[in-house]
Amino acid sequence: MSDARIPDDGGIQPADIRAVRGEGSSELRALMRAQVDIGRARREPPKKPPPPPPGHRPGEWPPGTSSPGPPPEWSYPPEAWRAAARHLSNEINRPDQPCDCGNCPSADTEENR
């Protein structure tokens, strides 16, 4: 098998197996490497991405546009963040007790409705 070429159909033929058994482990490695090479040759090369527009620098926004800016939740006051964190903590750690976050209506006002 060392002088013979594996057929281009990609399949291992019975004669190849007989030759590998007779030659030893180095022939098995050669057969497997040839199979891998045949498989690689069949692959289509990956498509290249389209080139960037002329004058565009990598990482820059296209001309005439700008970044979207900071998300709206960044403009919330710190007190609102603290109240929301306290409310979540109360829901997780003390679900059976009334919430004292400052944003929830108290149990007294709910009873009077």
N, C-alpha and C. Protein backbone atom coordinates (compact mmCIF):
# COMPACT_ATOMS: atom_id res chain seq x y z
N MET A 1 0.82 -1.20 0.00
CA MET A 1 0.00 0.00 0.00
C MET A 1 0.85 1.25 0.00
N SER A 2 2.06 1.19 0.45
CA SER A 2 2.88 2.38 0.55
C SER A 2 3.14 2.99 -0.82
N ASP A 3 3.22 2.17 -1.87
CA ASP A 3 3.45 2.71 -3.20
C ASP A 3 2.14 3.02 -3.93
N ALA A 4 1.05 2.44 -3.47
CA ALA A 4 -0.24 2.63 -4.14
C ALA A 4 -0.91 3.89 -3.63
N ARG A 5 -1.76 4.42 -4.48
CA ARG A 5 -2.51 5.63 -4.12
C ARG A 5 -3.94 5.25 -3.79
N ILE A 6 -4.51 5.89 -2.77
CA ILE A 6 -5.90 5.63 -2.40
C ILE A 6 -6.79 6.25 -3.46
N PRO A 7 -7.84 5.53 -3.87
CA PRO A 7 -8.71 6.09 -4.90
C PRO A 7 -9.35 7.40 -4.46
N ASP A 8 -9.66 8.25 -5.45
CA ASP A 8 -10.22 9.57 -5.16
C ASP A 8 -11.68 9.52 -4.73
N ASP A 9 -12.29 8.32 -4.75
CA ASP A 9 -13.69 8.27 -4.35
C ASP A 9 -13.82 8.43 -2.84
N GLY A 10 -12.73 8.41 -2.10
CA GLY A 10 -12.76 8.69 -0.68
C GLY A 10 -13.08 7.50 0.18
N GLY A 11 -13.51 6.40 -0.39
CA GLY A 11 -13.85 5.24 0.40
C GLY A 11 -12.65 4.33 0.58
N ILE A 12 -12.62 3.66 1.71
CA ILE A 12 -11.56 2.68 1.94
C ILE A 12 -12.03 1.37 1.32
N GLN A 13 -11.24 0.83 0.44
CA GLN A 13 -11.58 -0.38 -0.29
C GLN A 13 -11.10 -1.61 0.48
N PRO A 14 -11.71 -2.77 0.24
CA PRO A 14 -11.26 -4.01 0.91
C PRO A 14 -9.79 -4.31 0.68
N ALA A 15 -9.30 -3.98 -0.50
CA ALA A 15 -7.88 -4.23 -0.77
C ALA A 15 -7.00 -3.34 0.13
N ASP A 16 -7.47 -2.16 0.42
CA ASP A 16 -6.73 -1.27 1.31
C ASP A 16 -6.64 -1.87 2.71
N ILE A 17 -7.73 -2.44 3.18
CA ILE A 17 -7.74 -3.04 4.51
C ILE A 17 -6.79 -4.22 4.57
N ARG A 18 -6.81 -5.06 3.53
CA ARG A 18 -5.89 -6.20 3.50
C ARG A 18 -4.44 -5.73 3.51
N ALA A 19 -4.16 -4.68 2.77
CA ALA A 19 -2.79 -4.17 2.71
C ALA A 19 -2.37 -3.59 4.05
N VAL A 20 -3.28 -2.90 4.72
CA VAL A 20 -2.96 -2.31 6.02
C VAL A 20 -2.68 -3.41 7.03
N ARG A 21 -3.49 -4.46 7.04
CA ARG A 21 -3.27 -5.57 7.97
C ARG A 21 -1.92 -6.24 7.72
N GLY A 22 -1.53 -6.31 6.49
CA GLY A 22 -0.26 -6.97 6.17
C GLY A 22 0.95 -6.11 6.46
N GLU A 23 0.82 -4.80 6.35
CA GLU A 23 1.96 -3.90 6.49
C GLU A 23 2.23 -3.46 7.92
N GLY A 24 1.19 -3.25 8.72
CA GLY A 24 1.41 -2.83 10.10
C GLY A 24 0.76 -1.49 10.41
N SER A 25 1.10 -0.97 11.60
CA SER A 25 0.43 0.24 12.09
C SER A 25 0.83 1.50 11.32
N SER A 26 2.03 1.55 10.78
CA SER A 26 2.43 2.75 10.03
C SER A 26 1.58 2.90 8.77
N GLU A 27 1.19 1.78 8.19
CA GLU A 27 0.32 1.85 7.02
C GLU A 27 -1.07 2.35 7.39
N LEU A 28 -1.55 1.96 8.58
CA LEU A 28 -2.85 2.45 9.03
C LEU A 28 -2.81 3.97 9.18
N ARG A 29 -1.73 4.48 9.76
CA ARG A 29 -1.59 5.94 9.89
C ARG A 29 -1.58 6.61 8.52
N ALA A 30 -0.86 6.02 7.58
CA ALA A 30 -0.79 6.60 6.24
C ALA A 30 -2.16 6.59 5.58
N LEU A 31 -2.91 5.49 5.77
CA LEU A 31 -4.25 5.40 5.20
C LEU A 31 -5.17 6.46 5.79
N MET A 32 -5.12 6.61 7.10
CA MET A 32 -5.98 7.61 7.75
C MET A 32 -5.60 9.03 7.34
N ARG A 33 -4.31 9.30 7.25
CA ARG A 33 -3.88 10.64 6.80
C ARG A 33 -4.34 10.92 5.39
N ALA A 34 -4.28 9.91 4.53
CA ALA A 34 -4.74 10.09 3.15
C ALA A 34 -6.24 10.37 3.13
N GLN A 35 -7.00 9.66 3.99
CA GLN A 35 -8.45 9.90 4.06
C GLN A 35 -8.74 11.32 4.52
N VAL A 36 -7.99 11.80 5.50
CA VAL A 36 -8.18 13.17 5.98
C VAL A 36 -7.86 14.16 4.88
N ASP A 37 -6.78 13.94 4.15
CA ASP A 37 -6.43 14.84 3.05
C ASP A 37 -7.51 14.87 1.96
N ILE A 38 -8.08 13.70 1.67
CA ILE A 38 -9.15 13.64 0.67
C ILE A 38 -10.35 14.45 1.15
N GLY A 39 -10.69 14.30 2.44
CA GLY A 39 -11.81 15.05 2.99
C GLY A 39 -11.57 16.55 2.96
N ARG A 40 -10.34 16.96 3.28
CA ARG A 40 -10.01 18.40 3.25
C ARG A 40 -10.10 18.95 1.84
N ALA A 41 -9.68 18.15 0.86
CA ALA A 41 -9.72 18.61 -0.53
C ALA A 41 -11.15 18.80 -1.00
N ARG A 42 -12.10 18.07 -0.43
CA ARG A 42 -13.50 18.19 -0.84
C ARG A 42 -14.19 19.42 -0.27
N ARG A 43 -13.68 19.95 0.80
CA ARG A 43 -14.32 21.09 1.45
C ARG A 43 -14.27 22.33 0.57
N GLU A 44 -15.32 23.12 0.69
CA GLU A 44 -15.31 24.40 -0.01
C GLU A 44 -14.60 25.41 0.88
N PRO A 45 -13.80 26.27 0.30
CA PRO A 45 -13.14 27.27 1.15
C PRO A 45 -14.18 28.21 1.75
N PRO A 46 -13.95 28.69 2.98
CA PRO A 46 -14.93 29.60 3.59
C PRO A 46 -15.04 30.90 2.80
N LYS A 47 -16.27 31.43 2.76
CA LYS A 47 -16.49 32.68 2.03
C LYS A 47 -15.89 33.84 2.82
N LYS A 48 -15.27 34.73 2.11
CA LYS A 48 -14.70 35.91 2.75
C LYS A 48 -15.78 36.95 2.95
N PRO A 49 -15.73 37.70 4.05
CA PRO A 49 -16.73 38.75 4.25
C PRO A 49 -16.52 39.87 3.23
N PRO A 50 -17.58 40.61 2.92
CA PRO A 50 -17.41 41.68 1.94
C PRO A 50 -16.48 42.76 2.50
N PRO A 51 -15.75 43.40 1.62
CA PRO A 51 -14.81 44.41 2.10
C PRO A 51 -15.58 45.61 2.68
N PRO A 52 -14.98 46.30 3.65
CA PRO A 52 -15.66 47.47 4.22
C PRO A 52 -15.77 48.59 3.18
N PRO A 53 -16.71 49.51 3.37
CA PRO A 53 -16.83 50.60 2.40
C PRO A 53 -15.56 51.46 2.39
N PRO A 54 -15.29 52.13 1.29
CA PRO A 54 -14.08 52.93 1.21
C PRO A 54 -14.07 54.03 2.27
N GLY A 55 -12.94 54.24 2.87
CA GLY A 55 -12.78 55.28 3.87
C GLY A 55 -13.23 54.88 5.25
N HIS A 56 -13.66 53.65 5.43
CA HIS A 56 -14.12 53.19 6.75
C HIS A 56 -12.95 52.63 7.54
N ARG A 57 -12.84 53.09 8.78
CA ARG A 57 -11.79 52.56 9.66
C ARG A 57 -12.40 51.50 10.57
N PRO A 58 -11.69 50.42 10.87
CA PRO A 58 -12.25 49.37 11.72
C PRO A 58 -12.64 49.92 13.10
N GLY A 59 -13.80 49.50 13.60
CA GLY A 59 -14.27 49.91 14.90
C GLY A 59 -14.93 51.27 14.94
N GLU A 60 -15.07 51.90 13.82
CA GLU A 60 -15.66 53.24 13.77
C GLU A 60 -17.09 53.14 13.23
N TRP A 61 -17.96 54.01 13.72
CA TRP A 61 -19.33 54.04 13.21
C TRP A 61 -19.32 54.56 11.78
N PRO A 62 -20.23 54.08 10.94
CA PRO A 62 -20.28 54.57 9.55
C PRO A 62 -20.50 56.08 9.50
N PRO A 63 -20.05 56.72 8.44
CA PRO A 63 -20.22 58.17 8.33
C PRO A 63 -21.70 58.56 8.41
N GLY A 64 -21.97 59.64 9.13
CA GLY A 64 -23.33 60.14 9.25
C GLY A 64 -24.12 59.49 10.38
N THR A 65 -23.51 58.58 11.12
CA THR A 65 -24.20 57.92 12.24
C THR A 65 -23.38 58.11 13.50
N SER A 66 -23.98 57.76 14.62
CA SER A 66 -23.25 57.83 15.89
C SER A 66 -23.68 56.67 16.77
N SER A 67 -22.97 56.50 17.84
CA SER A 67 -23.31 55.42 18.76
C SER A 67 -24.66 55.71 19.41
N PRO A 68 -25.36 54.69 19.87
CA PRO A 68 -26.69 54.91 20.43
C PRO A 68 -26.67 55.64 21.77
N GLY A 69 -25.54 55.76 22.40
CA GLY A 69 -25.49 56.46 23.68
C GLY A 69 -25.76 55.52 24.84
N PRO A 70 -25.73 56.06 26.06
CA PRO A 70 -25.92 55.19 27.22
C PRO A 70 -27.36 54.70 27.31
N PRO A 71 -27.57 53.54 27.90
CA PRO A 71 -28.93 53.04 28.06
C PRO A 71 -29.72 53.93 29.01
N PRO A 72 -31.04 53.99 28.87
CA PRO A 72 -31.84 54.91 29.68
C PRO A 72 -31.77 54.61 31.18
N GLU A 73 -31.54 53.35 31.57
CA GLU A 73 -31.52 53.04 33.00
C GLU A 73 -30.31 53.64 33.71
N TRP A 74 -29.32 54.09 32.96
CA TRP A 74 -28.16 54.73 33.60
C TRP A 74 -28.52 56.09 34.19
N SER A 75 -29.62 56.67 33.73
CA SER A 75 -29.98 58.00 34.21
C SER A 75 -30.90 57.96 35.43
N TYR A 76 -31.24 56.78 35.94
CA TYR A 76 -32.06 56.69 37.14
C TYR A 76 -31.27 57.22 38.34
N PRO A 77 -31.93 57.90 39.27
CA PRO A 77 -31.21 58.40 40.45
C PRO A 77 -30.81 57.23 41.37
N PRO A 78 -29.74 57.41 42.14
CA PRO A 78 -29.28 56.34 43.02
C PRO A 78 -30.33 55.87 44.01
N GLU A 79 -31.21 56.77 44.45
CA GLU A 79 -32.25 56.37 45.40
C GLU A 79 -33.18 55.32 44.78
N ALA A 80 -33.50 55.49 43.50
CA ALA A 80 -34.38 54.53 42.83
C ALA A 80 -33.70 53.16 42.73
N TRP A 81 -32.39 53.15 42.44
CA TRP A 81 -31.65 51.89 42.38
C TRP A 81 -31.65 51.21 43.75
N ARG A 82 -31.41 51.98 44.80
CA ARG A 82 -31.39 51.41 46.15
C ARG A 82 -32.75 50.83 46.52
N ALA A 83 -33.84 51.55 46.19
CA ALA A 83 -35.18 51.08 46.50
C ALA A 83 -35.49 49.80 45.73
N ALA A 84 -35.09 49.74 44.47
CA ALA A 84 -35.34 48.53 43.67
C ALA A 84 -34.54 47.34 44.22
N ALA A 85 -33.29 47.59 44.61
CA ALA A 85 -32.47 46.50 45.18
C ALA A 85 -33.06 46.02 46.50
N ARG A 86 -33.54 46.94 47.31
CA ARG A 86 -34.14 46.55 48.60
C ARG A 86 -35.44 45.77 48.37
N HIS A 87 -36.24 46.21 47.39
CA HIS A 87 -37.48 45.50 47.07
C HIS A 87 -37.18 44.06 46.63
N LEU A 88 -36.19 43.88 45.76
CA LEU A 88 -35.82 42.54 45.30
C LEU A 88 -35.32 41.69 46.46
N SER A 89 -34.50 42.28 47.32
CA SER A 89 -34.00 41.56 48.48
C SER A 89 -35.14 41.14 49.39
N ASN A 90 -36.11 42.02 49.60
CA ASN A 90 -37.27 41.67 50.43
C ASN A 90 -38.08 40.54 49.82
N GLU A 91 -38.26 40.57 48.50
CA GLU A 91 -39.03 39.51 47.83
C GLU A 91 -38.33 38.16 47.95
N ILE A 92 -37.00 38.16 47.87
CA ILE A 92 -36.24 36.90 47.93
C ILE A 92 -36.10 36.40 49.36
N ASN A 93 -35.69 37.28 50.27
CA ASN A 93 -35.33 36.85 51.62
C ASN A 93 -36.49 36.86 52.61
N ARG A 94 -37.49 37.73 52.40
CA ARG A 94 -38.61 37.81 53.35
C ARG A 94 -39.94 37.89 52.60
N PRO A 95 -40.31 36.85 51.86
CA PRO A 95 -41.53 36.93 51.05
C PRO A 95 -42.81 36.99 51.88
N ASP A 96 -42.77 36.53 53.14
CA ASP A 96 -43.97 36.50 53.95
C ASP A 96 -44.19 37.79 54.76
N GLN A 97 -43.26 38.73 54.69
CA GLN A 97 -43.37 39.97 55.45
C GLN A 97 -43.64 41.13 54.52
N PRO A 98 -44.24 42.22 55.03
CA PRO A 98 -44.51 43.38 54.16
C PRO A 98 -43.20 44.03 53.71
N CYS A 99 -43.22 44.57 52.50
CA CYS A 99 -42.02 45.18 51.92
C CYS A 99 -41.82 46.59 52.50
N ASP A 100 -40.57 46.92 52.81
CA ASP A 100 -40.25 48.24 53.35
C ASP A 100 -39.31 49.01 52.42
N CYS A 101 -39.46 48.79 51.09
CA CYS A 101 -38.55 49.43 50.14
C CYS A 101 -38.87 50.91 49.94
N GLY A 102 -40.07 51.32 50.24
CA GLY A 102 -40.43 52.72 50.05
C GLY A 102 -41.26 52.95 48.81
N ASN A 103 -41.26 52.01 47.88
CA ASN A 103 -42.06 52.16 46.66
C ASN A 103 -43.35 51.37 46.71
N CYS A 104 -43.39 50.34 47.53
CA CYS A 104 -44.59 49.51 47.62
C CYS A 104 -45.61 50.19 48.53
N PRO A 105 -46.90 50.10 48.18
CA PRO A 105 -47.90 50.64 49.09
C PRO A 105 -47.93 49.78 50.36
N SER A 106 -48.13 50.40 51.46
CA SER A 106 -48.14 49.66 52.71
C SER A 106 -49.39 48.82 52.84
N ALA A 107 -49.37 47.87 53.75
CA ALA A 107 -50.52 46.98 53.96
C ALA A 107 -51.72 47.78 54.47
N ASP A 108 -51.46 48.87 55.22
CA ASP A 108 -52.56 49.69 55.75
C ASP A 108 -53.36 50.34 54.62
N THR A 109 -52.67 50.87 53.61
CA THR A 109 -53.38 51.55 52.53
C THR A 109 -54.13 50.55 51.67
N GLU A 110 -53.65 49.35 51.54
CA GLU A 110 -54.35 48.36 50.73
C GLU A 110 -55.64 47.93 51.42
N GLU A 111 -55.62 47.85 52.77
CA GLU A 111 -56.80 47.44 53.49
C GLU A 111 -57.90 48.50 53.43
N ASN A 112 -57.51 49.77 53.33
CA ASN A 112 -58.49 50.86 53.34
C ASN A 112 -59.14 51.09 51.99
N ARG A 113 -58.69 50.44 50.97
CA ARG A 113 -59.25 50.67 49.63
C ARG A 113 -60.60 50.11 49.47
